[in-house]
Amino acid sequence: MTDDHRFDETLTINLKRDEAIVLLVYLTRELYMVADDKNLRASFVHAAEVHGLLALHQELLRPLIDIGAPDAEGIELAAREHLLKRFS
């Protein structure tokens, strides 16, 4: 394999804060909290897919660490509503 594909290059993804919060909560639930693989993990076709999503989850967690307890649920609900308003 050569470096032609630039796999080690860092990418930047721009999301609004409400989008990032909703995505973080979704990935947290689907990757860590749902039992019996009846979740996102059940759809994986290759072992590398979980690593890609775990990396995305970690990148979202860093700038959003302030949404943790005790107000996490309220912030999550507000982010969902704000996101829906933007697209309704």
Protein backbone atom coordinates (compact mmCIF):
# COMPACT_ATOMS: atom_id res chain seq x y z
CA MET A 1 0.00 0.00 0.00
CA THR A 2 1.23 3.48 -0.80
CA ASP A 3 0.50 6.87 0.73
CA ASP A 4 -1.50 7.88 -2.37
CA HIS A 5 -4.75 7.68 -0.43
CA ARG A 6 -3.53 10.01 2.37
CA PHE A 7 -5.25 7.92 5.05
CA ASP A 8 -3.27 9.56 7.86
CA GLU A 9 -4.41 13.05 6.84
CA THR A 10 -6.69 14.81 9.34
CA LEU A 11 -10.08 16.01 8.10
CA THR A 12 -12.22 18.84 9.43
CA ILE A 13 -16.00 18.45 9.59
CA ASN A 14 -18.16 21.48 10.33
CA LEU A 15 -21.37 20.95 12.28
CA LYS A 16 -23.66 23.34 14.08
CA ARG A 17 -23.61 22.77 17.84
CA ASP A 18 -27.17 21.38 17.86
CA GLU A 19 -26.25 18.87 15.13
CA ALA A 20 -23.14 17.80 17.03
CA ILE A 21 -25.05 17.32 20.30
CA VAL A 22 -27.76 15.22 18.65
CA LEU A 23 -25.14 13.12 16.84
CA LEU A 24 -23.06 12.67 20.01
CA VAL A 25 -26.06 11.48 22.03
CA TYR A 26 -27.12 9.13 19.23
CA LEU A 27 -23.66 7.61 18.89
CA THR A 28 -23.33 7.28 22.66
CA ARG A 29 -26.63 5.42 22.85
CA GLU A 30 -26.01 3.22 19.83
CA LEU A 31 -22.37 2.39 20.47
CA TYR A 32 -22.39 2.02 24.26
CA MET A 33 -25.86 1.76 25.79
CA VAL A 34 -28.04 -0.57 23.70
CA ALA A 35 -27.82 -4.21 24.69
CA ASP A 36 -27.76 -7.33 22.53
CA ASP A 37 -26.34 -5.64 19.40
CA LYS A 38 -29.87 -4.59 18.40
CA ASN A 39 -28.52 -1.24 17.40
CA LEU A 40 -26.12 0.43 15.01
CA ARG A 41 -23.46 -2.22 15.65
CA ALA A 42 -25.78 -4.84 14.14
CA SER A 43 -25.52 -3.09 10.77
CA PHE A 44 -21.70 -3.21 10.52
CA VAL A 45 -20.31 -5.23 7.64
CA HIS A 46 -16.63 -4.74 8.51
CA ALA A 47 -14.77 -4.50 11.82
CA ALA A 48 -13.21 -1.17 10.82
CA GLU A 49 -16.63 0.55 10.82
CA VAL A 50 -16.90 0.51 14.60
CA HIS A 51 -13.46 2.09 14.91
CA GLY A 52 -14.44 4.89 12.52
CA LEU A 53 -17.57 5.67 14.52
CA LEU A 54 -15.75 5.46 17.84
CA ALA A 55 -13.21 7.98 16.51
CA LEU A 56 -16.04 10.28 15.41
CA HIS A 57 -17.66 9.94 18.83
CA GLN A 58 -14.41 10.90 20.56
CA GLU A 59 -13.97 13.95 18.34
CA LEU A 60 -17.51 15.10 19.16
CA LEU A 61 -17.05 14.47 22.88
CA ARG A 62 -14.09 16.82 23.31
CA PRO A 63 -15.81 20.11 22.39
CA LEU A 64 -19.12 19.05 23.93
CA ILE A 65 -17.90 17.80 27.31
CA ASP A 66 -19.73 20.75 28.91
CA ILE A 67 -23.13 19.20 28.14
CA GLY A 68 -22.63 16.56 30.83
CA ALA A 69 -24.68 16.13 33.99
CA PRO A 70 -26.67 17.56 35.62
CA ASP A 71 -28.19 19.43 32.66
CA ALA A 72 -27.41 16.88 29.93
CA GLU A 73 -30.99 15.77 29.32
CA GLY A 74 -32.28 19.33 29.07
CA ILE A 75 -29.49 20.35 26.71
CA GLU A 76 -30.11 17.29 24.55
CA LEU A 77 -33.83 18.02 24.30
CA ALA A 78 -33.19 21.69 23.51
CA ALA A 79 -30.66 20.75 20.81
CA ARG A 80 -33.15 18.35 19.20
CA GLU A 81 -35.88 20.97 19.17
CA HIS A 82 -33.53 23.66 17.84
CA LEU A 83 -32.34 21.36 15.07
CA LEU A 84 -35.89 20.47 14.05
CA LYS A 85 -36.91 24.14 13.97
CA ARG A 86 -34.11 24.89 11.53
CA PHE A 87 -35.37 22.26 9.11
CA SER A 88 -39.15 22.69 9.58
